[in-house]
Structure formats: C-alpha cells, structure tokens
Protein backbone atom coordinates (compact mmCIF):
# COMPACT_ATOMS: atom_id res chain seq x y z
CA MET A 1 102.89 123.50 135.47
CA MET A 2 102.45 120.69 132.96
CA PRO A 3 105.30 119.18 130.93
CA ASN A 4 105.49 119.65 127.16
CA LEU A 5 105.78 116.00 126.27
CA THR A 6 107.45 114.34 123.32
CA MET A 7 108.34 110.68 122.77
CA PRO A 8 110.33 109.36 125.76
CA THR A 9 114.07 109.74 125.79
CA PHE A 10 116.16 106.71 126.73
CA PRO A 11 119.91 106.04 126.39
CA ALA A 12 119.29 103.24 123.88
CA LEU A 13 116.18 104.69 122.22
CA SER A 14 117.96 105.00 118.88
CA TRP A 15 118.81 101.27 119.03
CA LEU A 16 115.20 100.42 119.83
CA GLN A 17 113.91 102.58 117.00
CA ALA A 18 116.34 101.02 114.54
CA HIS A 19 115.07 97.52 115.36
CA VAL A 20 111.34 98.29 115.35
CA PRO A 21 109.64 98.01 111.95
CA MET A 22 108.72 101.48 110.70
CA ALA A 23 105.00 100.74 110.53
CA GLU A 24 105.00 99.56 114.14
CA PHE A 25 107.06 102.54 115.27
CA THR A 26 104.60 104.92 113.60
CA ARG A 27 101.68 103.15 115.28
CA ILE A 28 103.39 103.43 118.67
CA GLN A 29 104.01 107.14 118.06
CA HIS A 30 100.37 107.73 117.25
CA ALA A 31 99.24 105.78 120.33
CA PHE A 32 101.59 107.83 122.48
CA THR A 33 100.22 111.13 121.15
CA GLU A 34 96.60 110.06 121.48
CA GLU A 35 97.01 108.82 125.04
CA TRP A 36 98.83 111.97 126.11
CA MET A 37 96.16 114.19 124.56
CA ALA A 38 93.49 112.19 126.39
CA VAL A 39 95.29 112.87 129.68
CA MET A 40 95.63 116.58 128.93
CA GLN A 41 92.08 117.07 127.72
CA ALA A 42 90.28 115.10 130.41
CA ALA A 43 87.57 117.20 132.12
CA GLU A 44 88.65 115.79 135.47
CA ARG A 45 91.94 114.25 136.48
CA PRO A 46 91.37 110.53 137.12
CA PRO A 47 93.27 109.07 140.09
CA ILE A 48 96.55 107.34 139.25
CA LYS A 49 96.20 103.64 139.99
CA ASP A 50 99.93 102.90 140.27
CA ARG A 51 100.65 102.55 143.99
CA ARG A 52 103.91 104.49 143.69
CA PHE A 53 101.75 107.56 143.09
CA SER A 54 98.83 106.70 145.36
CA ASP A 55 99.45 109.37 148.00
CA PRO A 56 97.05 112.36 147.60
CA ALA A 57 100.06 114.69 147.23
CA TRP A 58 100.60 113.36 143.70
CA TYR A 59 97.03 114.27 142.76
CA ASP A 60 96.84 117.58 144.59
CA ASN A 61 99.92 119.02 142.86
CA PRO A 62 99.20 119.39 139.11
CA GLY A 63 102.90 119.40 138.20
CA SER A 64 103.49 116.16 140.10
CA TYR A 65 100.33 114.61 138.69
CA TYR A 66 101.28 115.24 135.07
CA THR A 67 104.89 114.25 135.71
CA ALA A 68 103.67 110.88 137.00
CA GLN A 69 101.29 110.48 134.05
CA ALA A 70 104.07 111.37 131.60
CA TYR A 71 106.37 108.83 133.23
CA LEU A 72 103.76 106.06 133.10
CA LEU A 73 102.91 106.77 129.47
CA SER A 74 106.60 106.85 128.54
CA SER A 75 107.13 103.55 130.34
CA ARG A 76 104.28 101.89 128.44
CA THR A 77 105.60 103.28 125.18
CA LEU A 78 109.09 101.92 125.74
CA MET A 79 107.71 98.49 126.55
CA ARG A 80 105.57 98.58 123.40
CA MET A 81 108.72 99.26 121.44
CA VAL A 82 110.38 96.28 123.09
CA GLU A 83 107.46 94.03 122.16
CA ALA A 84 107.66 95.26 118.56
CA LEU A 85 111.39 94.56 118.16
CA ASP A 86 112.35 92.56 115.10
CA VAL A 87 114.94 90.43 116.92
CA GLU A 88 115.38 86.92 118.26
CA PRO A 89 113.17 86.11 121.29
CA ALA A 90 116.20 85.75 123.57
CA VAL A 91 117.44 89.20 122.57
CA ARG A 92 113.98 90.66 123.15
CA GLU A 93 113.90 89.21 126.66
CA ARG A 94 117.24 90.77 127.52
CA VAL A 95 116.20 94.12 126.12
CA ARG A 96 112.92 93.92 128.04
CA PHE A 97 114.80 93.26 131.27
CA ALA A 98 117.24 96.14 130.66
CA VAL A 99 114.46 98.57 129.78
CA MET A 100 112.47 97.49 132.83
CA GLN A 101 115.45 98.20 135.08
CA TRP A 102 115.96 101.65 133.58
CA VAL A 103 112.27 102.52 133.61
CA ASP A 104 111.77 101.44 137.22
CA ALA A 105 114.90 103.31 138.35
CA MET A 106 113.75 106.53 136.66
CA SER A 107 110.37 106.73 138.38
CA PRO A 108 109.83 110.30 139.69
CA ALA A 109 108.83 108.71 143.01
CA ASN A 110 112.50 107.72 143.49
CA PHE A 111 113.76 111.34 143.62
CA LEU A 112 113.19 113.75 146.47
CA ALA A 113 113.03 116.71 144.08
CA LEU A 114 110.11 115.07 142.22
CA ASN A 115 108.27 113.27 145.03
CA PRO A 116 105.61 115.56 146.60
CA ASP A 117 104.77 113.01 149.28
CA ALA A 118 108.38 112.91 150.53
CA GLN A 119 108.61 116.71 150.28
CA ARG A 120 105.46 117.18 152.36
CA ARG A 121 106.78 114.86 155.05
CA LEU A 122 110.08 116.74 155.05
CA VAL A 123 108.33 120.06 155.68
CA GLU A 124 105.88 118.71 158.25
CA SER A 125 108.67 117.00 160.23
CA HIS A 126 110.90 120.08 160.12
CA GLY A 127 113.60 118.08 158.38
CA GLU A 128 113.41 115.01 160.64
CA THR A 129 112.53 112.65 157.77
CA LEU A 130 115.64 113.76 155.90
CA ARG A 131 117.83 113.25 158.97
CA GLN A 132 116.35 109.81 159.63
CA GLY A 133 116.58 108.91 155.95
CA MET A 134 120.29 109.74 155.91
CA ALA A 135 120.75 107.68 159.07
CA ASN A 136 118.96 104.77 157.42
CA LEU A 137 121.13 105.14 154.33
CA LEU A 138 124.37 105.12 156.34
CA GLU A 139 123.20 102.07 158.27
CA ASP A 140 122.40 100.21 155.05
CA ILE A 141 125.74 101.21 153.53
CA SER A 142 127.43 99.60 156.52
CA LYS A 143 125.36 96.44 155.95
CA GLY A 144 126.04 96.46 152.24
CA ARG A 145 122.35 96.05 151.36
CA ILE A 146 118.98 97.78 151.49
CA SER A 147 116.97 96.96 154.62
CA GLN A 148 113.61 95.44 153.73
CA THR A 149 112.39 94.81 157.27
CA ASP A 150 113.16 95.69 160.87
CA GLU A 151 115.67 92.91 161.44
CA SER A 152 116.03 93.74 165.14
CA GLN A 153 112.62 92.16 165.75
CA PHE A 154 113.72 88.64 164.80
CA GLU A 155 116.30 86.13 165.96
CA VAL A 156 116.84 82.60 164.68
CA GLY A 157 115.90 80.20 167.43
CA ARG A 158 114.02 82.82 169.45
CA ASN A 159 111.00 83.76 167.33
CA VAL A 160 111.79 82.19 163.94
CA ALA A 161 112.89 78.57 163.42
CA VAL A 162 111.43 77.60 166.80
CA THR A 163 109.70 74.27 166.18
CA PRO A 164 111.17 71.92 168.85
CA GLY A 165 113.63 69.30 167.68
CA HIS A 166 117.24 68.17 167.79
CA VAL A 167 120.20 67.86 165.49
CA ILE A 168 120.96 64.14 165.23
CA PHE A 169 123.69 64.18 162.56
CA GLU A 170 126.11 66.59 160.98
CA ASN A 171 128.94 66.61 158.48
CA ARG A 172 130.75 69.31 156.57
CA MET A 173 127.73 69.84 154.28
CA MET A 174 124.73 69.90 156.59
CA GLN A 175 123.05 69.20 159.91
CA LEU A 176 120.04 66.90 160.01
CA ILE A 177 117.25 67.98 162.36
CA GLN A 178 114.59 65.62 163.71
CA TYR A 179 111.52 67.43 165.04
CA ALA A 180 109.71 66.36 168.19
CA PRO A 181 106.28 64.74 167.72
CA ARG A 182 103.10 66.48 168.83
CA THR A 183 100.77 63.51 168.46
CA ASP A 184 100.60 60.21 170.34
CA THR A 185 100.94 58.24 167.11
CA VAL A 186 102.73 59.13 163.90
CA HIS A 187 102.86 57.88 160.36
CA ALA A 188 105.36 55.03 160.16
CA ARG A 189 107.24 56.57 157.27
CA PRO A 190 108.94 59.82 158.22
CA LEU A 191 109.19 62.81 155.91
CA VAL A 192 112.65 64.07 154.91
CA ILE A 193 112.70 67.69 153.72
CA VAL A 194 115.42 68.95 151.38
CA PRO A 195 115.30 72.76 151.33
CA PRO A 196 117.33 74.85 148.87
CA CYS A 197 120.96 75.40 149.80
CA ILE A 198 120.85 78.90 148.28
CA ASN A 199 118.70 80.05 151.23
CA LYS A 200 118.28 79.18 154.90
CA TYR A 201 115.86 76.34 155.61
CA TYR A 202 113.68 78.27 158.03
CA ILE A 203 111.49 79.71 155.30
CA LEU A 204 109.68 76.43 156.04
CA ASP A 205 109.71 77.14 159.79
CA LEU A 206 109.20 80.88 160.24
CA GLN A 207 106.87 81.38 163.20
CA PRO A 208 104.39 78.88 164.69
CA ARG A 209 101.44 80.46 162.86
CA ASN A 210 103.01 80.02 159.42
CA SER A 211 105.45 77.14 159.85
CA LEU A 212 105.04 74.33 157.34
CA VAL A 213 107.28 72.16 159.54
CA ALA A 214 105.08 72.72 162.60
CA TRP A 215 101.95 72.00 160.57
CA LEU A 216 103.39 68.72 159.30
CA VAL A 217 104.33 67.65 162.81
CA GLU A 218 100.79 68.45 163.96
CA GLN A 219 99.48 66.19 161.18
CA GLY A 220 101.35 63.27 162.71
CA HIS A 221 104.48 63.20 160.59
CA THR A 222 107.97 62.57 161.92
CA VAL A 223 109.89 65.29 160.13
CA PHE A 224 113.60 65.27 159.34
CA LEU A 225 115.01 68.40 157.71
CA ILE A 226 118.39 69.30 156.23
CA SER A 227 119.98 72.50 157.53
CA TRP A 228 122.64 73.31 154.94
CA ARG A 229 125.92 74.78 156.05
CA ASN A 230 126.62 78.40 155.14
CA PRO A 231 130.24 78.24 153.91
CA MET A 232 132.49 81.14 154.84
CA PRO A 233 135.67 82.45 153.20
CA THR A 234 137.77 81.39 156.20
CA ASP A 235 136.66 77.72 156.09
CA THR A 236 139.56 75.30 155.53
CA ASP A 237 137.90 71.86 155.48
CA GLY A 238 137.31 71.69 151.73
CA ILE A 239 133.81 73.16 151.73
CA LEU A 240 134.94 75.90 149.35
CA GLN A 241 135.72 73.18 146.79
CA ALA A 242 132.43 71.30 147.31
CA THR A 243 130.75 70.07 144.14
CA TRP A 244 127.23 69.14 143.08
CA ASP A 245 128.22 65.50 143.66
CA ASP A 246 129.28 66.33 147.23
CA TYR A 247 125.89 67.87 147.98
CA ILE A 248 124.11 64.85 146.51
CA ARG A 249 126.22 62.24 148.36
CA GLU A 250 127.04 63.90 151.67
CA GLY A 251 123.85 65.94 151.86
CA VAL A 252 120.77 64.35 150.36
CA LEU A 253 121.64 60.64 150.19
CA THR A 254 123.22 60.67 153.64
CA SER A 255 120.15 62.35 155.15
CA LEU A 256 117.80 59.81 153.59
CA ALA A 257 119.94 56.97 154.98
CA VAL A 258 120.07 58.44 158.48
CA ALA A 259 116.31 59.09 158.57
CA GLY A 260 115.65 55.53 157.43
CA ALA A 261 117.98 54.11 160.08
CA VAL A 262 116.48 56.20 162.89
CA SER A 263 112.87 55.44 161.93
CA GLY A 264 113.56 51.77 161.19
CA GLN A 265 111.82 52.14 157.84
CA PRO A 266 113.24 50.73 154.59
CA GLN A 267 111.70 53.71 152.79
CA VAL A 268 110.90 57.27 153.78
CA ASN A 269 108.83 59.98 152.13
CA ALA A 270 110.80 62.95 150.81
CA MET A 271 110.03 66.55 149.83
CA GLY A 272 112.26 69.02 148.00
CA PHE A 273 111.64 72.75 147.77
CA CYS A 274 113.01 74.85 144.90
CA VAL A 275 116.64 73.83 144.21
CA GLY A 276 116.17 71.25 146.95
CA GLY A 277 113.67 69.48 144.70
CA THR A 278 116.19 69.39 141.86
CA MET A 279 118.83 68.00 144.21
CA LEU A 280 116.46 65.45 145.73
CA SER A 281 115.34 64.16 142.33
CA THR A 282 118.96 63.88 141.23
CA ALA A 283 119.86 61.97 144.39
CA LEU A 284 116.97 59.53 143.95
CA ALA A 285 117.97 58.87 140.34
CA VAL A 286 121.53 58.16 141.52
CA ALA A 287 120.19 55.81 144.19
CA ARG A 288 118.07 53.94 141.63
CA THR A 289 121.08 53.43 139.37
CA GLN A 290 122.98 52.05 142.36
CA GLY A 291 120.17 49.58 143.07
CA LEU A 292 118.77 51.51 146.03
CA ASN A 293 115.17 52.62 146.57
CA PRO A 294 115.14 54.76 149.74
CA VAL A 295 111.98 56.81 149.08
CA ALA A 296 108.35 55.72 148.86
CA SER A 297 106.93 59.04 147.64
CA LEU A 298 108.38 62.25 146.27
CA SER A 299 107.02 65.79 146.70
CA LEU A 300 108.40 68.69 144.65
CA LEU A 301 107.52 72.26 145.58
CA THR A 302 108.27 74.97 142.98
CA SER A 303 111.14 72.94 141.53
CA PHE A 304 112.79 72.68 138.13
CA LEU A 305 113.67 69.39 136.49
CA ASP A 306 113.25 70.58 132.92
CA PHE A 307 115.03 73.92 132.49
CA SER A 308 113.74 74.63 128.98
CA GLU A 309 111.87 77.76 130.11
CA THR A 310 113.46 79.47 133.10
CA GLY A 311 111.68 82.81 132.93
CA VAL A 312 113.37 86.11 133.58
CA ILE A 313 116.50 84.50 135.04
CA ASP A 314 117.38 83.40 131.52
CA VAL A 315 118.52 86.95 130.72
CA PHE A 316 121.61 86.38 132.86
CA ILE A 317 122.64 83.07 131.32
CA ASP A 318 124.75 82.55 128.21
CA GLU A 319 127.92 80.68 127.32
CA ALA A 320 130.18 83.67 127.90
CA HIS A 321 128.79 84.33 131.37
CA VAL A 322 128.96 80.69 132.44
CA ALA A 323 132.50 80.29 131.06
CA LEU A 324 133.61 83.37 133.00
CA ARG A 325 132.09 81.98 136.20
CA GLU A 326 133.81 78.66 135.64
CA GLN A 327 137.12 80.44 135.25
CA GLN A 328 136.51 82.43 138.44
CA LEU A 329 135.01 79.74 140.68
CA GLY A 330 135.39 76.34 139.06
CA LEU A 331 138.33 75.24 141.21
CA GLY A 332 137.12 76.73 144.48
CA GLY A 333 135.98 79.86 146.25
CA LEU A 334 132.59 81.29 147.05
CA LEU A 335 129.72 82.89 145.24
CA PRO A 336 128.90 85.54 147.87
CA ALA A 337 125.44 85.73 149.35
CA TRP A 338 125.02 89.40 148.51
CA GLU A 339 125.39 88.67 144.80
CA LEU A 340 122.59 86.13 144.75
CA ALA A 341 120.38 88.34 146.93
CA THR A 342 120.92 91.37 144.71
CA THR A 343 120.15 89.37 141.58
CA PHE A 344 116.88 88.08 142.97
CA SER A 345 115.87 91.53 144.26
CA PHE A 346 116.33 93.10 140.83
CA LEU A 347 114.04 90.52 139.28
CA ARG A 348 111.29 92.56 141.00
CA PRO A 349 112.94 95.97 141.46
CA ASN A 350 109.86 98.03 142.28
CA GLU A 351 108.84 95.72 145.11
CA LEU A 352 112.24 94.72 146.47
CA VAL A 353 114.48 97.71 145.72
CA TRP A 354 112.90 101.07 144.90
CA ASN A 355 110.02 100.66 147.32
CA TYR A 356 112.56 100.59 150.15
CA VAL A 357 114.74 103.35 148.68
CA VAL A 358 111.72 105.65 148.80
CA GLY A 359 110.50 104.54 152.21
CA ASN A 360 113.83 104.20 154.01
CA TYR A 361 115.73 107.17 152.57
CA LEU A 362 113.30 109.73 151.10
CA LYS A 363 110.62 109.37 153.78
CA GLY A 364 112.86 108.36 156.69
CA GLU A 365 110.73 105.37 157.59
CA LYS A 366 111.79 102.17 159.28
CA PRO A 367 110.51 99.16 157.35
CA ARG A 368 107.93 97.13 159.24
CA ALA A 369 108.83 93.84 160.87
CA PHE A 370 108.12 90.95 158.50
CA ASP A 371 109.48 87.47 159.14
CA LEU A 372 109.63 86.48 155.47
CA LEU A 373 111.77 89.50 154.60
CA PHE A 374 114.02 88.85 157.60
CA TRP A 375 114.64 85.41 156.13
CA ASN A 376 115.16 86.96 152.70
CA ALA A 377 117.97 89.11 154.10
CA ASP A 378 119.65 86.10 155.77
CA SER A 379 121.33 84.85 152.62
CA THR A 380 123.89 82.09 152.13
CA ASN A 381 127.16 81.75 150.26
CA LEU A 382 127.64 78.93 147.76
CA PRO A 383 130.76 76.90 146.98
CA GLY A 384 132.01 77.95 143.55
CA PRO A 385 132.35 74.46 141.99
CA PHE A 386 128.79 73.56 143.04
CA PHE A 387 127.43 76.80 141.60
CA VAL A 388 129.14 76.64 138.22
CA TRP A 389 128.19 72.96 137.69
CA TYR A 390 124.58 73.83 138.45
CA LEU A 391 124.65 76.91 136.21
CA ARG A 392 125.99 75.05 133.17
CA ASN A 393 124.10 71.77 133.48
CA THR A 394 120.71 73.23 134.29
CA TYR A 395 120.09 76.81 133.15
CA LEU A 396 122.50 76.80 130.22
CA GLU A 397 122.40 73.26 128.80
CA ASN A 398 119.36 71.62 130.47
CA ASN A 399 121.30 68.39 130.89
CA LEU A 400 119.41 66.83 133.79
CA ILE A 401 116.57 65.57 131.62
CA LYS A 402 118.88 64.07 128.97
CA PRO A 403 118.95 60.33 129.78
CA GLY A 404 122.44 59.18 130.70
CA HIS A 405 124.05 62.45 129.58
CA LEU A 406 125.44 63.33 133.01
CA GLN A 407 127.53 61.39 135.50
CA VAL A 408 126.51 62.28 139.06
CA ALA A 409 128.20 60.60 142.02
CA GLY A 410 129.82 58.18 139.61
CA THR A 411 126.61 56.98 137.95
CA PRO A 412 124.73 57.95 134.75
CA LEU A 413 121.71 60.11 135.52
CA HIS A 414 118.25 58.93 134.39
CA LEU A 415 115.47 61.02 135.92
CA GLN A 416 113.03 59.17 133.66
CA GLU A 417 113.53 56.04 135.79
CA LEU A 418 112.09 57.65 138.93
CA GLU A 419 108.87 55.68 138.83
CA LEU A 420 107.34 56.52 142.21
CA PRO A 421 104.27 58.47 143.38
CA THR A 422 105.00 62.19 143.03
CA TYR A 423 103.22 65.32 144.20
CA ILE A 424 104.17 68.41 142.20
CA TYR A 425 103.26 71.89 143.41
CA ALA A 426 103.73 75.17 141.52
CA SER A 427 102.80 78.79 142.22
CA ARG A 428 100.91 80.58 139.46
CA ASP A 429 102.75 83.93 139.76
CA ASP A 430 106.18 82.43 140.43
CA HIS A 431 108.93 84.46 138.71
CA ILE A 432 111.73 82.15 139.94
CA VAL A 433 110.27 78.82 138.78
CA PRO A 434 107.48 79.63 136.28
CA TRP A 435 104.53 77.36 136.95
CA LYS A 436 104.57 75.82 133.48
CA SER A 437 108.21 74.85 134.02
CA ALA A 438 107.35 73.16 137.30
CA TYR A 439 104.45 71.48 135.50
CA ALA A 440 106.92 70.16 132.92
CA SER A 441 108.09 67.66 135.56
CA THR A 442 104.86 65.76 134.83
CA GLN A 443 106.38 64.97 131.42
CA VAL A 444 109.70 63.83 132.91
CA LEU A 445 108.67 61.57 135.78
CA PRO A 446 106.93 58.32 134.77
CA GLY A 447 105.14 57.32 137.99
CA PRO A 448 101.67 58.28 139.26
CA LYS A 449 101.52 62.05 139.77
CA ARG A 450 99.36 64.74 141.28
CA PHE A 451 99.88 68.36 140.20
CA VAL A 452 98.48 71.28 142.19
CA LEU A 453 98.76 74.94 141.29
CA GLY A 454 98.63 77.56 144.03
CA ALA A 455 98.00 81.29 143.83
CA SER A 456 100.70 83.93 144.42
CA GLY A 457 104.47 83.65 144.00
CA HIS A 458 107.50 81.53 144.70
CA ILE A 459 107.49 81.99 148.48
CA ALA A 460 104.07 83.40 149.41
CA GLY A 461 102.36 80.68 147.41
CA VAL A 462 104.18 77.94 149.29
CA ILE A 463 103.95 79.48 152.76
CA ASN A 464 100.15 79.62 152.95
CA PRO A 465 98.90 78.09 156.21
CA PRO A 466 95.28 76.87 156.18
CA ALA A 467 94.35 78.89 159.26
CA ALA A 468 94.99 82.12 157.38
CA GLY A 469 92.17 81.34 154.94
CA ARG A 470 94.00 83.12 152.13
CA ARG A 471 94.50 82.61 148.42
CA SER A 472 93.33 79.59 146.45
CA HIS A 473 94.64 76.64 144.50
CA TRP A 474 93.71 74.64 141.41
CA VAL A 475 93.36 70.86 141.30
CA HIS A 476 92.80 68.42 138.46
CA GLU A 477 93.82 64.78 138.09
CA PRO A 478 93.74 63.73 134.42
CA SER A 479 92.44 60.26 133.74
CA GLY A 480 95.28 59.55 131.32
CA GLU A 481 98.47 61.33 130.35
CA PHE A 482 99.01 64.85 131.62
CA PRO A 483 98.07 67.35 128.89
CA GLU A 484 99.78 70.60 128.00
CA ALA A 485 99.92 73.06 130.89
CA GLU A 486 97.27 75.45 129.54
CA GLN A 487 94.84 72.60 128.92
CA TRP A 488 95.42 71.32 132.45
CA LEU A 489 94.58 74.74 133.86
CA ALA A 490 91.49 75.08 131.67
CA GLU A 491 90.20 71.77 133.06
CA ALA A 492 91.25 72.43 136.67
CA GLU A 493 88.91 73.42 139.46
CA GLU A 494 89.77 76.37 141.68
CA GLN A 495 89.51 75.65 145.41
CA PRO A 496 89.54 78.33 148.12
CA GLY A 497 92.33 78.50 150.68
CA SER A 498 95.62 76.74 151.21
CA TRP A 499 96.91 73.80 149.20
CA TRP A 500 98.51 72.31 152.34
CA PRO A 501 95.52 70.06 153.27
CA ASP A 502 95.47 68.62 149.76
CA TRP A 503 99.13 67.71 150.07
CA GLY A 504 98.59 66.52 153.62
CA ASN A 505 95.92 64.05 152.49
CA TRP A 506 98.13 62.80 149.67
CA LEU A 507 101.16 62.46 151.96
CA ALA A 508 99.14 60.59 154.60
CA SER A 509 98.13 58.04 151.97
CA HIS A 510 101.82 57.17 151.64
CA GLY A 511 102.53 57.26 155.37
CA GLY A 512 102.60 53.49 155.90
CA GLY A 513 100.15 53.25 158.80
CA GLN A 514 100.34 54.54 162.37
CA VAL A 515 102.96 53.74 165.01
CA THR A 516 103.64 55.06 168.49
CA ALA A 517 105.41 58.41 168.38
CA PRO A 518 109.12 58.26 169.30
CA THR A 519 109.88 59.48 172.80
CA GLN A 520 113.27 60.92 171.89
CA ALA A 521 115.18 62.02 168.84
CA GLY A 522 117.73 59.86 167.04
CA ASN A 523 118.97 56.49 168.22
CA ALA A 524 122.15 54.93 169.59
CA ASP A 525 123.99 55.48 166.31
CA TYR A 526 122.65 58.98 165.79
CA PRO A 527 122.15 60.59 169.19
CA PRO A 528 120.91 64.17 169.53
CA THR A 529 123.80 66.61 169.76
CA GLU A 530 122.11 70.00 170.11
CA ALA A 531 118.66 71.53 170.10
CA ALA A 532 117.10 72.81 166.89
CA PRO A 533 117.69 74.99 164.99
CA GLY A 534 121.36 74.03 165.41
CA ARG A 535 124.58 75.93 164.74
CA TYR A 536 124.73 75.91 160.96
CA VAL A 537 121.63 78.00 160.37
CA ARG A 538 122.85 80.73 162.75
CA VAL A 539 125.93 81.50 160.65
CA ARG A 540 125.30 84.74 158.75
CA ALA A 541 127.07 85.66 155.55
CA VAL A 542 129.07 88.86 155.73
C-alpha cells in the first residue's frame, strides 16, 4: 500500500509558509510534486541510500519503502523551505536547527509500528528483541541517558588512560600528571597539555593503539598533562564558586610553572585542545602582561580564539539565555554533566541519539564496545561562575580578541601580543569548532604559524594515530600573510594519513635539544603522590 502524498505537515508549517516568498514556495511545491511522481512512476524501485533504511526489509515491503521515500522527500522539502525563508540569518539558523530536530525525530525508522526491520527481528526472536529492548530502556532510564556503547568493557586506569606516569601536583582545580619516558634521551623542553575541562582528559590517552599521549612519549617528549577535577554538588572547598580566573591561575599557569621547575627549563612547550586551547592562550597572554614568558611554542588543536562564527552551537546563545544562566549560576552551583552531554548529542541527533534509540530499544541490541563513546559518556560538571563567564565573553560577545577589553587574573587581556611559534590544527568536518573558526586564529596571533587541516570531525580528526593509516590532512605554509580560509584550502596539498607526524616534526624543532631521560617523576619539591591516571579522573558525574 502506497501513501497518497501531499506537502508535508509540520507543527510550524504555516509559519514557514508565511515567511517564504510566494514564488519560492510555488517552486518548492512543484519540485515536491515532480520528485514524488518520479518515485511513483519509476520502472524499478531504486535502493534507498539513507542508512536508516538500508536493511532489505525496507525495500522488500512496498508500504515501508514508499513511507521511507515520502519521509525523505518531505524532509528535503522542509529544509528547502528553511533555506528560502525571508528572515535574518540568525533566525534562519535557529529555524533550521528546530526543523532538523523535528525531522530527525519523526523518521519512520524510530517507531516500531513503522520499522519493518525491527518488526522482522521481533517475529524471528519470538518477542525476545522486545523484551531485551525494554530491559535496555529501563537500564538507560536508571542511568538518565541513552547508552552509546557497552560501558562494562572499559575502566579508567585498566584499559583506558593507561599510559604509565605519576601525579606530581594537585590542588582544588586539577592534578598534574608526568608521564614516564620510553626513550633513553628526551627533548629538553617538556610538553604541557591542557585538555578541555568540559570533558575528561583521557580522550588523549584512550588505549595504547590510539593514545596521543603514548605516541608523544614514544617520540621522546616528556609529557605533563592536566587532569581537571570533576566538581560534585557535595564539594565544600569553594570549587562550586570557581571562576574563569581560578582555572587560569590555579590550573594552567600553575601547571606551566610546575613543569618548568621539574624539568629545569625556563620555557616549556604547551598544547591546548578545544576549550583547553582557549584557556591556554588566555593564560599565556596573562603571563606576558605580567612580564613572564613560560612557553617556547604553542599548539592549538580544534580551538576557538575568535568566536565570530561558532557554527550550530550559536542557535543556543542569545542575551536572554546567557542572562538567565547568570542568574541561575553566576554566584555558584554546577552546570550538570548531563546537560552538556545532551546538548552535544542533539547537535548530531541521528548519529548520537536516534541511532541508539532504534538499536537499543526497538531491536533489543547492546551497543558495541567503543572506547571513544565510553569517554563521551563520562562527562564532567562545570562550576557555574566559570561557565557563565565563558558563555558571555566568548560565544555571546567574542571579547577575548578585543585588545584590553577583558581583565583576566587582574591583568588586561591582549591575545595579539602572543608572538611565539604556533601550530594550529583544525578538523574539516568539525561541528563543534568549525575549521574556518579555528583557522581564524591565524589572524589573531602575530608570531610564526603553521596551520594544518585534518579530515573528519572534532574528535575523530584529532585522534588519528599514524599506524591506522586512515584519513588525510592538508598542509600549506604561505610565504607571507595567511590568506582567507578558502584560499588557503585551495592552495593546500592533501597528504594521506595522520597529521600527527607533521606536528611531531614541528614540535621536535622546538624541543631544545636532547637530554638524558629522567629516571623518576617530579623532584624534591613536587614528588610523585599516586600513579596515573590519578583520583580526579575517576570521579564520575551522577
């Protein structure tokens, strides 16, 4: 049985129609009719390329096949209407996001009554898939989130975050880990890594085969890494009132000082990932204003400095939202981990939400074990004052790049004075930090720079070990000023495989020569206190 199709219905369709110019709306109507007639009149049914409908059951059942085709055509039509809206660009982006959420949620694959694949499995298993699906649903309800991987297969310190090392310093904000050398000699200048505090650090140290930390150690670097504390509602030591300034002073600047003291080097190399790169750059600008110069080279991986174009996240940010958050959290409290995790999941709902609804609940499957998704589920809380300062001064007002506009740690902030060698990496399909926004740092920082663009997204692009032989990256070093992003890409050369060796060669050139590898972690002032990964990273948000 085939549906008698008309233009798609949608709760806000009348609003869309009212804001689409009549000529465009008529064109969209005609395109809808023509495409549907082409589907109906085709001599043979072409396979549906959308992976949600890839199982043969969708093709074998004519009713299911045409339902899927009707859904896909309706989805395309709604998005065409969004593109044709006669509204401000910011409004269009918000409407696009809302329509995407509705369209993805209404996929016939998400409903047992419309999903022939799930129905077939139900019959063949004599109801076992339904029983197991309900069990999975109840388990996830108790967790308060959708399971994306078999979390029972991983444990922090057992098979993720296992690179050997020791905690040599801790305060209320973080623990500092020094990793054990694996080479007889090491680069004189150590590398200090500042990961994001909105996630656990071990995305950079998953398993030995894909650990960026382990790879760096194998390249002869002494690696220090910040393990941020995961604040909990019961904490009473002031962490719930921690500010951006506290993270800069007690977290980043303190870590740089400790690493310098332990290594005996007046300068270290430093890398920041995601928000960690924003924090690291801020800290170095503060240090410069205070007459300090603790870092010889800076590496930024998928990091914002210029927040002019923040991608899809911008749909959540406006003055009313930020003011409400400031009222709720500005004086203390926590932004709960589940809220951040849910927000990021719904930036890619088909991949990170509905895919698991269908698999876990309709088909009764257990998601496969995947270390990256285990990490993704191990979210962190954020102190409210830190979060609202960050929200207003970056995403809303883009204040970091305004010379002297902000006071951070008691000093005016001038990112434009960070004249030091900088390596900037971006991922081409990144939906968290769009690559052109990461590239914009080339226009902010005045020193010598190298920009490299990797394939894939925010995480998979970064965690791309050379041994895997996967993906590619683009390189180009302009002879003069960095051009516009599109021109840079047009002139860049695509290279096969991981970008890690390119960074490794650049980092080695700033390593300061070779010295004998240390035989133990820390020193008399900063003795090792516990083995890596330490206590802080094991605390799970509830």
